[in-house]
Amino acid sequence: MRLLRSTDLALRVLMRLAVAEGSSPTTREVAEGMDVPYTHAAKVVAELQHMGLLDARRGRGGGLSLTGKGRTASVGAVVRSFEGEGDVVECEGATPCPLNTACRLRGALRRAQEAFYASLDPLTVGDMVAAPTGPLLLEIGRAPQGRS
């Protein structure tokens, strides 16, 4: 299974904010630190804000911060939300699969997909930033010592 880029970015944004240590990075700073386009990061941030997982404040002193709900959010729930409720394979549509009425593959893939999500459900964003990940996240995007 392959995650959408937006799902990957959403998880990384949440993890980055979970270790922000009192700072409130802007969307632009987060995008630059993760080397992703600002517009892509802005869309993901807007969706995470809509989900109640982060707060975004504009203007001087603004920035992004993780909400309490964001820190305890299930990784599985975040992935489900960004990935959508579709099947792994498309069996219907403009040219439906001829095996559609008697196929066992679709059910097997659906069960595998649910097992994937179920394995992520007990994990929270807070769990994902426990050492050694959290300290490493703090170093990403920082200028090396001695440089300006």
N, C-alpha and C. Protein backbone atom coordinates (compact mmCIF):
# COMPACT_ATOMS: atom_id res chain seq x y z
N MET A 1 0.84 -1.17 0.00
CA MET A 1 0.00 0.00 0.00
C MET A 1 0.88 1.23 0.00
N ARG A 2 0.47 2.21 -0.73
CA ARG A 2 1.24 3.45 -0.83
C ARG A 2 0.37 4.61 -0.39
N LEU A 3 0.88 5.44 0.51
CA LEU A 3 0.13 6.58 1.01
C LEU A 3 0.21 7.75 0.03
N LEU A 4 -0.83 8.55 0.01
CA LEU A 4 -0.82 9.77 -0.76
C LEU A 4 0.22 10.72 -0.17
N ARG A 5 0.77 11.60 -1.01
CA ARG A 5 1.75 12.57 -0.52
C ARG A 5 1.15 13.45 0.57
N SER A 6 -0.14 13.78 0.42
CA SER A 6 -0.78 14.64 1.42
C SER A 6 -0.90 13.92 2.77
N THR A 7 -1.11 12.62 2.76
CA THR A 7 -1.19 11.86 4.01
C THR A 7 0.17 11.86 4.71
N ASP A 8 1.21 11.60 3.95
CA ASP A 8 2.57 11.61 4.49
C ASP A 8 2.90 12.98 5.07
N LEU A 9 2.57 14.02 4.34
CA LEU A 9 2.87 15.37 4.81
C LEU A 9 2.06 15.71 6.06
N ALA A 10 0.80 15.31 6.11
CA ALA A 10 -0.04 15.57 7.28
C ALA A 10 0.59 14.95 8.53
N LEU A 11 1.04 13.71 8.41
CA LEU A 11 1.66 13.05 9.56
C LEU A 11 2.95 13.76 9.98
N ARG A 12 3.74 14.16 8.99
CA ARG A 12 4.99 14.84 9.31
C ARG A 12 4.75 16.22 9.92
N VAL A 13 3.73 16.95 9.46
CA VAL A 13 3.39 18.24 10.04
C VAL A 13 2.97 18.07 11.50
N LEU A 14 2.10 17.10 11.75
CA LEU A 14 1.66 16.85 13.13
C LEU A 14 2.85 16.49 14.02
N MET A 15 3.73 15.65 13.52
CA MET A 15 4.90 15.25 14.31
C MET A 15 5.81 16.45 14.58
N ARG A 16 6.00 17.28 13.56
CA ARG A 16 6.86 18.46 13.73
C ARG A 16 6.28 19.41 14.78
N LEU A 17 4.96 19.61 14.73
CA LEU A 17 4.33 20.51 15.70
C LEU A 17 4.34 19.91 17.10
N ALA A 18 4.33 18.60 17.20
CA ALA A 18 4.35 17.94 18.51
C ALA A 18 5.65 18.18 19.26
N VAL A 19 6.70 18.54 18.55
CA VAL A 19 8.00 18.80 19.19
C VAL A 19 8.40 20.27 19.08
N ALA A 20 7.45 21.14 18.80
CA ALA A 20 7.75 22.55 18.56
C ALA A 20 8.30 23.29 19.77
N GLU A 21 8.14 22.74 20.99
CA GLU A 21 8.71 23.31 22.22
C GLU A 21 8.38 24.78 22.40
N GLY A 22 7.11 25.11 22.39
CA GLY A 22 6.69 26.48 22.67
C GLY A 22 6.75 27.43 21.49
N SER A 23 7.42 27.04 20.43
CA SER A 23 7.44 27.91 19.26
C SER A 23 6.22 27.61 18.40
N SER A 24 5.88 28.53 17.54
CA SER A 24 4.76 28.35 16.63
C SER A 24 5.25 28.60 15.21
N PRO A 25 5.81 27.59 14.57
CA PRO A 25 6.31 27.80 13.21
C PRO A 25 5.17 28.14 12.26
N THR A 26 5.50 28.89 11.23
CA THR A 26 4.51 29.22 10.21
C THR A 26 4.40 28.06 9.22
N THR A 27 3.37 28.11 8.42
CA THR A 27 3.22 27.08 7.38
C THR A 27 4.42 27.13 6.44
N ARG A 28 4.86 28.32 6.12
CA ARG A 28 6.01 28.46 5.22
C ARG A 28 7.27 27.85 5.84
N GLU A 29 7.49 28.08 7.12
CA GLU A 29 8.66 27.51 7.80
C GLU A 29 8.60 25.99 7.82
N VAL A 30 7.41 25.45 8.09
CA VAL A 30 7.25 24.00 8.10
C VAL A 30 7.50 23.44 6.70
N ALA A 31 6.96 24.10 5.68
CA ALA A 31 7.15 23.64 4.30
C ALA A 31 8.63 23.67 3.92
N GLU A 32 9.31 24.75 4.26
CA GLU A 32 10.74 24.85 3.94
C GLU A 32 11.55 23.80 4.69
N GLY A 33 11.22 23.58 5.96
CA GLY A 33 11.95 22.59 6.77
C GLY A 33 11.76 21.18 6.25
N MET A 34 10.63 20.92 5.61
CA MET A 34 10.34 19.59 5.08
C MET A 34 10.60 19.51 3.58
N ASP A 35 11.04 20.62 3.00
CA ASP A 35 11.36 20.68 1.58
C ASP A 35 10.18 20.25 0.70
N VAL A 36 9.02 20.85 0.98
CA VAL A 36 7.82 20.61 0.19
C VAL A 36 7.28 21.96 -0.28
N PRO A 37 6.53 21.99 -1.38
CA PRO A 37 5.97 23.25 -1.84
C PRO A 37 5.03 23.86 -0.81
N TYR A 38 5.10 25.17 -0.66
CA TYR A 38 4.26 25.88 0.31
C TYR A 38 2.78 25.62 0.05
N THR A 39 2.36 25.64 -1.21
CA THR A 39 0.94 25.47 -1.52
C THR A 39 0.44 24.10 -1.07
N HIS A 40 1.28 23.08 -1.23
CA HIS A 40 0.89 21.74 -0.80
C HIS A 40 0.77 21.69 0.73
N ALA A 41 1.73 22.29 1.41
CA ALA A 41 1.70 22.32 2.87
C ALA A 41 0.48 23.11 3.35
N ALA A 42 0.16 24.21 2.69
CA ALA A 42 -0.98 25.04 3.10
C ALA A 42 -2.29 24.26 2.99
N LYS A 43 -2.46 23.47 1.96
CA LYS A 43 -3.67 22.66 1.82
C LYS A 43 -3.78 21.63 2.94
N VAL A 44 -2.68 20.99 3.25
CA VAL A 44 -2.66 19.98 4.32
C VAL A 44 -2.93 20.65 5.67
N VAL A 45 -2.31 21.79 5.92
CA VAL A 45 -2.52 22.52 7.18
C VAL A 45 -3.99 22.91 7.30
N ALA A 46 -4.59 23.37 6.22
CA ALA A 46 -6.01 23.75 6.26
C ALA A 46 -6.90 22.56 6.62
N GLU A 47 -6.59 21.39 6.07
CA GLU A 47 -7.38 20.19 6.38
C GLU A 47 -7.17 19.76 7.83
N LEU A 48 -5.94 19.82 8.31
CA LEU A 48 -5.66 19.47 9.70
C LEU A 48 -6.35 20.44 10.66
N GLN A 49 -6.41 21.71 10.29
CA GLN A 49 -7.11 22.70 11.10
C GLN A 49 -8.61 22.40 11.10
N HIS A 50 -9.15 22.07 9.94
CA HIS A 50 -10.56 21.71 9.83
C HIS A 50 -10.89 20.49 10.71
N MET A 51 -9.95 19.56 10.81
CA MET A 51 -10.14 18.36 11.63
C MET A 51 -9.98 18.66 13.13
N GLY A 52 -9.52 19.86 13.46
CA GLY A 52 -9.34 20.24 14.86
C GLY A 52 -8.03 19.76 15.46
N LEU A 53 -7.08 19.38 14.61
CA LEU A 53 -5.82 18.82 15.11
C LEU A 53 -4.75 19.88 15.32
N LEU A 54 -4.90 21.03 14.67
CA LEU A 54 -3.96 22.12 14.88
C LEU A 54 -4.68 23.45 14.80
N ASP A 55 -4.05 24.45 15.41
CA ASP A 55 -4.53 25.83 15.33
C ASP A 55 -3.57 26.59 14.43
N ALA A 56 -4.12 27.46 13.60
CA ALA A 56 -3.31 28.31 12.73
C ALA A 56 -3.72 29.76 12.99
N ARG A 57 -2.75 30.56 13.41
CA ARG A 57 -3.00 31.97 13.67
C ARG A 57 -2.22 32.81 12.67
N ARG A 58 -2.88 33.82 12.14
CA ARG A 58 -2.25 34.70 11.16
C ARG A 58 -1.64 35.92 11.83
N GLY A 59 -0.79 36.58 11.09
CA GLY A 59 -0.25 37.86 11.54
C GLY A 59 0.93 37.72 12.48
N ARG A 60 1.32 38.89 13.00
CA ARG A 60 2.48 38.94 13.90
C ARG A 60 2.21 38.07 15.12
N GLY A 61 3.14 37.23 15.47
CA GLY A 61 2.98 36.33 16.60
C GLY A 61 2.13 35.11 16.27
N GLY A 62 1.78 34.97 15.01
CA GLY A 62 0.96 33.83 14.61
C GLY A 62 1.82 32.61 14.35
N GLY A 63 1.19 31.61 13.81
CA GLY A 63 1.90 30.37 13.49
C GLY A 63 1.00 29.18 13.74
N LEU A 64 1.60 28.03 13.71
CA LEU A 64 0.88 26.77 13.87
C LEU A 64 1.17 26.17 15.23
N SER A 65 0.14 25.57 15.81
CA SER A 65 0.35 24.84 17.07
C SER A 65 -0.59 23.64 17.09
N LEU A 66 -0.12 22.61 17.72
CA LEU A 66 -0.88 21.38 17.85
C LEU A 66 -1.93 21.56 18.94
N THR A 67 -3.13 21.08 18.71
CA THR A 67 -4.16 21.11 19.75
C THR A 67 -4.00 19.86 20.62
N GLY A 68 -4.72 19.83 21.73
CA GLY A 68 -4.72 18.63 22.57
C GLY A 68 -5.24 17.44 21.78
N LYS A 69 -6.27 17.67 20.99
CA LYS A 69 -6.81 16.60 20.14
C LYS A 69 -5.76 16.13 19.14
N GLY A 70 -4.93 17.05 18.65
CA GLY A 70 -3.89 16.69 17.69
C GLY A 70 -2.82 15.81 18.30
N ARG A 71 -2.46 16.09 19.53
CA ARG A 71 -1.41 15.31 20.21
C ARG A 71 -1.87 13.88 20.48
N THR A 72 -3.17 13.71 20.76
CA THR A 72 -3.68 12.37 21.08
C THR A 72 -4.39 11.72 19.90
N ALA A 73 -4.33 12.35 18.74
CA ALA A 73 -5.01 11.81 17.56
C ALA A 73 -4.43 10.46 17.18
N SER A 74 -5.31 9.55 16.79
CA SER A 74 -4.89 8.25 16.30
C SER A 74 -4.27 8.41 14.92
N VAL A 75 -3.09 7.84 14.75
CA VAL A 75 -2.44 7.88 13.44
C VAL A 75 -3.33 7.19 12.40
N GLY A 76 -3.97 6.09 12.78
CA GLY A 76 -4.88 5.40 11.87
C GLY A 76 -6.02 6.28 11.42
N ALA A 77 -6.59 7.07 12.34
CA ALA A 77 -7.70 7.96 11.99
C ALA A 77 -7.25 9.06 11.04
N VAL A 78 -6.05 9.60 11.25
CA VAL A 78 -5.52 10.63 10.36
C VAL A 78 -5.31 10.04 8.97
N VAL A 79 -4.71 8.87 8.91
CA VAL A 79 -4.46 8.22 7.61
C VAL A 79 -5.78 7.94 6.90
N ARG A 80 -6.76 7.39 7.61
CA ARG A 80 -8.08 7.13 7.00
C ARG A 80 -8.69 8.39 6.43
N SER A 81 -8.59 9.47 7.19
CA SER A 81 -9.20 10.73 6.77
C SER A 81 -8.56 11.25 5.49
N PHE A 82 -7.25 11.20 5.40
CA PHE A 82 -6.57 11.71 4.21
C PHE A 82 -6.65 10.75 3.03
N GLU A 83 -6.66 9.46 3.30
CA GLU A 83 -6.70 8.48 2.21
C GLU A 83 -8.11 8.29 1.65
N GLY A 84 -9.13 8.56 2.46
CA GLY A 84 -10.50 8.38 1.99
C GLY A 84 -10.96 6.94 2.20
N GLU A 85 -12.19 6.70 1.89
CA GLU A 85 -12.81 5.39 2.14
C GLU A 85 -12.86 4.50 0.90
N GLY A 86 -11.99 4.70 -0.04
CA GLY A 86 -12.02 3.90 -1.26
C GLY A 86 -11.38 2.54 -1.11
N ASP A 87 -11.68 1.67 -2.08
CA ASP A 87 -11.05 0.36 -2.12
C ASP A 87 -9.63 0.48 -2.67
N VAL A 88 -8.81 -0.51 -2.39
CA VAL A 88 -7.43 -0.53 -2.88
C VAL A 88 -7.40 -0.62 -4.40
N VAL A 89 -8.32 -1.40 -4.96
CA VAL A 89 -8.42 -1.53 -6.42
C VAL A 89 -9.78 -1.04 -6.88
N GLU A 90 -9.83 -0.54 -8.10
CA GLU A 90 -11.09 -0.08 -8.67
C GLU A 90 -11.72 -1.22 -9.45
N CYS A 91 -12.85 -1.67 -8.98
CA CYS A 91 -13.52 -2.80 -9.63
C CYS A 91 -14.70 -2.35 -10.47
N GLU A 92 -15.11 -1.12 -10.27
CA GLU A 92 -16.23 -0.58 -11.01
C GLU A 92 -15.77 0.68 -11.73
N GLY A 93 -16.65 1.30 -12.45
CA GLY A 93 -16.28 2.52 -13.16
C GLY A 93 -16.63 2.40 -14.62
N ALA A 94 -15.89 3.13 -15.45
CA ALA A 94 -16.18 3.16 -16.89
C ALA A 94 -16.07 1.77 -17.52
N THR A 95 -15.08 1.01 -17.10
CA THR A 95 -14.93 -0.36 -17.60
C THR A 95 -14.84 -1.29 -16.40
N PRO A 96 -16.00 -1.73 -15.88
CA PRO A 96 -15.98 -2.59 -14.69
C PRO A 96 -15.27 -3.92 -14.95
N CYS A 97 -14.69 -4.42 -13.89
CA CYS A 97 -13.98 -5.70 -13.97
C CYS A 97 -14.98 -6.82 -14.25
N PRO A 98 -14.70 -7.70 -15.19
CA PRO A 98 -15.62 -8.79 -15.50
C PRO A 98 -15.76 -9.79 -14.35
N LEU A 99 -14.82 -9.78 -13.42
CA LEU A 99 -14.89 -10.69 -12.27
C LEU A 99 -15.64 -10.08 -11.08
N ASN A 100 -16.15 -8.89 -11.25
CA ASN A 100 -16.73 -8.13 -10.15
C ASN A 100 -17.74 -8.91 -9.31
N THR A 101 -18.59 -9.70 -9.93
CA THR A 101 -19.63 -10.40 -9.17
C THR A 101 -19.12 -11.64 -8.45
N ALA A 102 -17.96 -12.17 -8.83
CA ALA A 102 -17.48 -13.41 -8.22
C ALA A 102 -16.01 -13.31 -7.78
N CYS A 103 -15.54 -12.10 -7.55
CA CYS A 103 -14.11 -11.92 -7.23
C CYS A 103 -13.87 -12.03 -5.73
N ARG A 104 -12.82 -12.74 -5.38
CA ARG A 104 -12.42 -12.87 -3.97
C ARG A 104 -11.26 -11.93 -3.64
N LEU A 105 -10.62 -11.41 -4.68
CA LEU A 105 -9.47 -10.52 -4.47
C LEU A 105 -9.88 -9.21 -3.79
N ARG A 106 -10.98 -8.62 -4.22
CA ARG A 106 -11.42 -7.35 -3.67
C ARG A 106 -11.61 -7.45 -2.15
N GLY A 107 -12.26 -8.50 -1.69
CA GLY A 107 -12.47 -8.69 -0.25
C GLY A 107 -11.16 -8.90 0.49
N ALA A 108 -10.26 -9.66 -0.09
CA ALA A 108 -8.96 -9.91 0.55
C ALA A 108 -8.16 -8.62 0.67
N LEU A 109 -8.19 -7.80 -0.39
CA LEU A 109 -7.46 -6.54 -0.34
C LEU A 109 -8.10 -5.58 0.66
N ARG A 110 -9.41 -5.58 0.76
CA ARG A 110 -10.11 -4.73 1.72
C ARG A 110 -9.74 -5.13 3.16
N ARG A 111 -9.68 -6.43 3.42
CA ARG A 111 -9.28 -6.90 4.76
C ARG A 111 -7.84 -6.51 5.06
N ALA A 112 -6.98 -6.60 4.07
CA ALA A 112 -5.58 -6.20 4.26
C ALA A 112 -5.48 -4.70 4.55
N GLN A 113 -6.26 -3.92 3.85
CA GLN A 113 -6.28 -2.48 4.06
C GLN A 113 -6.75 -2.17 5.49
N GLU A 114 -7.79 -2.82 5.93
CA GLU A 114 -8.30 -2.60 7.29
C GLU A 114 -7.29 -3.05 8.34
N ALA A 115 -6.54 -4.13 8.07
CA ALA A 115 -5.50 -4.58 8.99
C ALA A 115 -4.39 -3.52 9.09
N PHE A 116 -4.07 -2.90 7.97
CA PHE A 116 -3.08 -1.83 7.94
C PHE A 116 -3.53 -0.68 8.83
N TYR A 117 -4.77 -0.21 8.64
CA TYR A 117 -5.30 0.87 9.46
C TYR A 117 -5.37 0.46 10.93
N ALA A 118 -5.83 -0.75 11.19
CA ALA A 118 -5.97 -1.23 12.57
C ALA A 118 -4.62 -1.23 13.29
N SER A 119 -3.54 -1.51 12.57
CA SER A 119 -2.22 -1.51 13.20
C SER A 119 -1.77 -0.10 13.56
N LEU A 120 -2.34 0.92 12.89
CA LEU A 120 -2.00 2.31 13.18
C LEU A 120 -2.93 2.94 14.21
N ASP A 121 -4.11 2.36 14.39
CA ASP A 121 -5.11 2.96 15.28
C ASP A 121 -4.63 3.21 16.71
N PRO A 122 -3.91 2.29 17.35
CA PRO A 122 -3.52 2.55 18.75
C PRO A 122 -2.39 3.57 18.89
N LEU A 123 -1.72 3.91 17.81
CA LEU A 123 -0.60 4.86 17.87
C LEU A 123 -1.13 6.29 17.81
N THR A 124 -0.57 7.15 18.66
CA THR A 124 -0.95 8.56 18.64
C THR A 124 0.21 9.38 18.07
N VAL A 125 -0.09 10.62 17.75
CA VAL A 125 0.96 11.53 17.28
C VAL A 125 2.03 11.65 18.36
N GLY A 126 1.61 11.73 19.62
CA GLY A 126 2.58 11.79 20.72
C GLY A 126 3.50 10.58 20.75
N ASP A 127 2.96 9.39 20.47
CA ASP A 127 3.79 8.19 20.42
C ASP A 127 4.85 8.29 19.32
N MET A 128 4.48 8.91 18.22
CA MET A 128 5.37 8.97 17.06
C MET A 128 6.57 9.88 17.27
N VAL A 129 6.50 10.76 18.27
CA VAL A 129 7.62 11.69 18.49
C VAL A 129 8.44 11.35 19.73
N ALA A 130 8.20 10.18 20.29
CA ALA A 130 9.04 9.74 21.41
C ALA A 130 10.47 9.55 20.90
N ALA A 131 11.43 9.62 21.81
CA ALA A 131 12.84 9.46 21.42
C ALA A 131 13.03 8.12 20.70
N PRO A 132 13.83 8.09 19.69
CA PRO A 132 14.77 9.10 19.21
C PRO A 132 14.19 10.04 18.16
N THR A 133 12.94 9.87 17.77
CA THR A 133 12.37 10.66 16.68
C THR A 133 12.23 12.13 17.04
N GLY A 134 11.68 12.44 18.21
CA GLY A 134 11.45 13.82 18.61
C GLY A 134 12.68 14.69 18.55
N PRO A 135 13.79 14.29 19.20
CA PRO A 135 15.00 15.11 19.13
C PRO A 135 15.52 15.29 17.71
N LEU A 136 15.38 14.28 16.88
CA LEU A 136 15.82 14.42 15.49
C LEU A 136 14.96 15.42 14.74
N LEU A 137 13.65 15.38 14.98
CA LEU A 137 12.74 16.34 14.34
C LEU A 137 13.11 17.78 14.68
N LEU A 138 13.57 18.00 15.89
CA LEU A 138 13.97 19.35 16.30
C LEU A 138 15.16 19.86 15.51
N GLU A 139 16.02 18.96 15.07
CA GLU A 139 17.22 19.35 14.33
C GLU A 139 16.95 19.62 12.86
N ILE A 140 15.87 19.06 12.32
CA ILE A 140 15.57 19.22 10.89
C ILE A 140 15.24 20.68 10.62
N GLY A 141 15.89 21.23 9.63
CA GLY A 141 15.61 22.60 9.22
C GLY A 141 16.42 23.65 9.96
N ARG A 142 17.14 23.26 11.01
CA ARG A 142 17.97 24.22 11.72
C ARG A 142 19.28 24.40 10.97
N ALA A 143 19.79 25.62 10.99
CA ALA A 143 21.08 25.91 10.37
C ALA A 143 22.18 25.26 11.22
N PRO A 144 23.20 24.67 10.58
CA PRO A 144 24.31 24.11 11.34
C PRO A 144 24.98 25.18 12.21
N GLN A 145 25.53 24.77 13.36
CA GLN A 145 26.21 25.68 14.27
C GLN A 145 27.32 26.43 13.55
N GLY A 146 27.46 27.73 13.84
CA GLY A 146 28.53 28.52 13.25
C GLY A 146 28.16 29.18 11.95
N ARG A 147 26.97 28.92 11.42
CA ARG A 147 26.53 29.57 10.18
C ARG A 147 25.42 30.55 10.48
N SER A 148 25.30 31.56 9.65
CA SER A 148 24.21 32.50 9.80
C SER A 148 23.35 32.53 8.58
